[in-house]
């Protein structure tokens, strides 16, 4: 059973930055990702990192968010999400996701609030 623990959420003003981190209890060779769910909205993918370490982003965050890992191969247990130029519409609960040997795992989520 993989456990995912997120950290780094908080309250910031528009235009500011935050960095989220997700640590897995095991090394993950597969996909890891950050999803987000705004109040009254469906959960959506923000960014993911594939098993070959390539990355993909939602159109709404491209150019502002960066997903990364310190791993130099595809076996990772920590991913970060650097969020710059935050907007009020980025306000959501951000959850870490991992796919590991055909099973899906989710973290508890961390709140990000962007407000003046």
Protein backbone atom coordinates (compact mmCIF):
# COMPACT_ATOMS: atom_id res chain seq x y z
CA UNK A 1 0.00 0.00 0.00
CA UNK A 2 1.60 3.24 -1.16
CA UNK A 3 1.11 6.33 0.96
CA UNK A 4 1.41 9.79 -0.54
CA UNK A 5 2.00 12.80 1.68
CA UNK A 6 1.65 16.32 0.35
CA UNK A 7 3.02 19.53 1.81
CA UNK A 8 3.41 23.18 0.88
CA UNK A 9 -0.11 24.51 0.46
CA UNK A 10 -1.25 27.81 1.87
CA UNK A 11 -2.69 31.25 1.27
CA UNK A 12 -0.99 33.58 -1.19
CA UNK A 13 -1.84 36.73 -3.10
CA UNK A 14 -2.33 36.79 -6.87
CA UNK A 15 0.98 36.80 -8.71
CA UNK A 16 2.85 35.04 -5.92
CA UNK A 17 4.38 31.55 -5.93
CA UNK A 18 4.02 28.32 -3.98
CA UNK A 19 5.83 25.01 -4.13
CA UNK A 20 4.06 21.76 -3.35
CA UNK A 21 5.84 18.52 -2.54
CA UNK A 22 4.60 14.94 -2.56
CA UNK A 23 6.53 12.10 -0.98
CA UNK A 24 5.63 8.48 -1.62
CA UNK A 25 6.31 5.68 0.83
CA UNK A 26 7.82 3.62 -2.00
CA UNK A 27 9.75 4.42 -5.13
CA UNK A 28 7.35 4.81 -8.03
CA UNK A 29 8.48 3.85 -11.55
CA UNK A 30 5.14 4.81 -13.07
CA UNK A 31 3.12 7.97 -13.46
CA UNK A 32 2.95 10.57 -10.71
CA UNK A 33 0.79 13.63 -10.99
CA UNK A 34 -0.87 16.59 -9.32
CA UNK A 35 -4.62 16.94 -9.62
CA UNK A 36 -6.72 19.77 -8.27
CA UNK A 37 -10.33 20.28 -7.34
CA UNK A 38 -11.84 23.72 -6.94
CA UNK A 39 -15.04 24.24 -4.93
CA UNK A 40 -18.04 23.01 -6.90
CA UNK A 41 -15.82 21.73 -9.71
CA UNK A 42 -14.70 18.30 -10.86
CA UNK A 43 -11.19 17.19 -10.13
CA UNK A 44 -8.83 17.98 -12.99
CA UNK A 45 -5.27 17.12 -13.91
CA UNK A 46 -2.82 19.96 -13.35
CA UNK A 47 0.45 18.28 -14.25
CA UNK A 48 1.95 14.81 -14.58
CA UNK A 49 5.32 13.20 -14.94
CA UNK A 50 5.53 9.97 -16.91
CA UNK A 51 7.69 6.91 -16.39
CA UNK A 52 10.23 8.33 -18.86
CA UNK A 53 10.26 11.61 -16.87
CA UNK A 54 8.52 13.57 -19.61
CA UNK A 55 5.87 16.00 -18.38
CA UNK A 56 2.44 17.20 -19.40
CA UNK A 57 0.37 20.13 -18.21
CA UNK A 58 -3.18 21.37 -18.31
CA UNK A 59 -3.52 24.30 -20.70
CA UNK A 60 -4.60 26.52 -17.82
CA UNK A 61 -1.26 26.10 -16.01
CA UNK A 62 1.22 25.85 -18.90
CA UNK A 63 4.05 28.30 -18.56
CA UNK A 64 3.26 28.92 -14.89
CA UNK A 65 3.54 25.51 -13.21
CA UNK A 66 6.47 23.12 -13.32
CA UNK A 67 6.36 19.51 -12.14
CA UNK A 68 9.70 17.97 -11.25
CA UNK A 69 11.46 15.18 -9.44
CA UNK A 70 14.97 14.91 -8.06
CA UNK A 71 15.25 11.37 -9.43
CA UNK A 72 17.63 10.91 -12.34
CA UNK A 73 15.98 7.71 -13.44
CA UNK A 74 12.30 6.83 -13.66
CA UNK A 75 12.11 5.53 -10.10
CA UNK A 76 10.99 8.44 -8.00
CA UNK A 77 9.46 8.92 -4.61
CA UNK A 78 9.19 12.69 -4.50
CA UNK A 79 7.61 15.10 -6.94
CA UNK A 80 7.29 18.83 -6.63
CA UNK A 81 4.95 21.34 -8.23
CA UNK A 82 6.36 24.84 -8.55
CA UNK A 83 3.47 27.24 -9.08
CA UNK A 84 4.27 30.76 -10.24
CA UNK A 85 2.08 33.71 -11.16
CA UNK A 86 -0.77 32.23 -9.20
CA UNK A 87 -4.29 33.37 -10.00
CA UNK A 88 -7.48 33.27 -7.92
CA UNK A 89 -8.75 30.55 -10.25
CA UNK A 90 -5.88 28.32 -9.12
CA UNK A 91 -7.57 28.07 -5.73
CA UNK A 92 -8.24 24.39 -5.10
CA UNK A 93 -7.33 21.33 -3.12
CA UNK A 94 -4.24 19.87 -4.78
CA UNK A 95 -3.81 16.11 -4.53
CA UNK A 96 -0.87 13.93 -5.38
CA UNK A 97 -1.52 10.84 -7.51
CA UNK A 98 0.60 7.79 -8.27
CA UNK A 99 0.11 4.74 -10.44
CA UNK A 100 1.99 1.74 -9.10
CA UNK A 101 1.76 -1.80 -10.47
CA UNK A 102 -1.71 -1.22 -11.86
CA UNK A 103 -3.15 0.45 -8.77
CA UNK A 104 -3.96 4.08 -8.19
CA UNK A 105 -3.05 5.97 -5.05
CA UNK A 106 -4.05 9.40 -3.82
CA UNK A 107 -2.76 11.73 -1.15
CA UNK A 108 -5.01 13.54 1.31
CA UNK A 109 -4.69 16.84 -0.51
CA UNK A 110 -3.38 20.26 0.41
CA UNK A 111 -5.31 23.51 0.15
CA UNK A 112 -4.02 26.29 -2.07
CA UNK A 113 -5.86 29.59 -1.79
CA UNK A 114 -5.03 32.56 -4.00
CA UNK A 115 -6.72 35.70 -2.77
CA UNK A 116 -6.00 39.37 -2.19
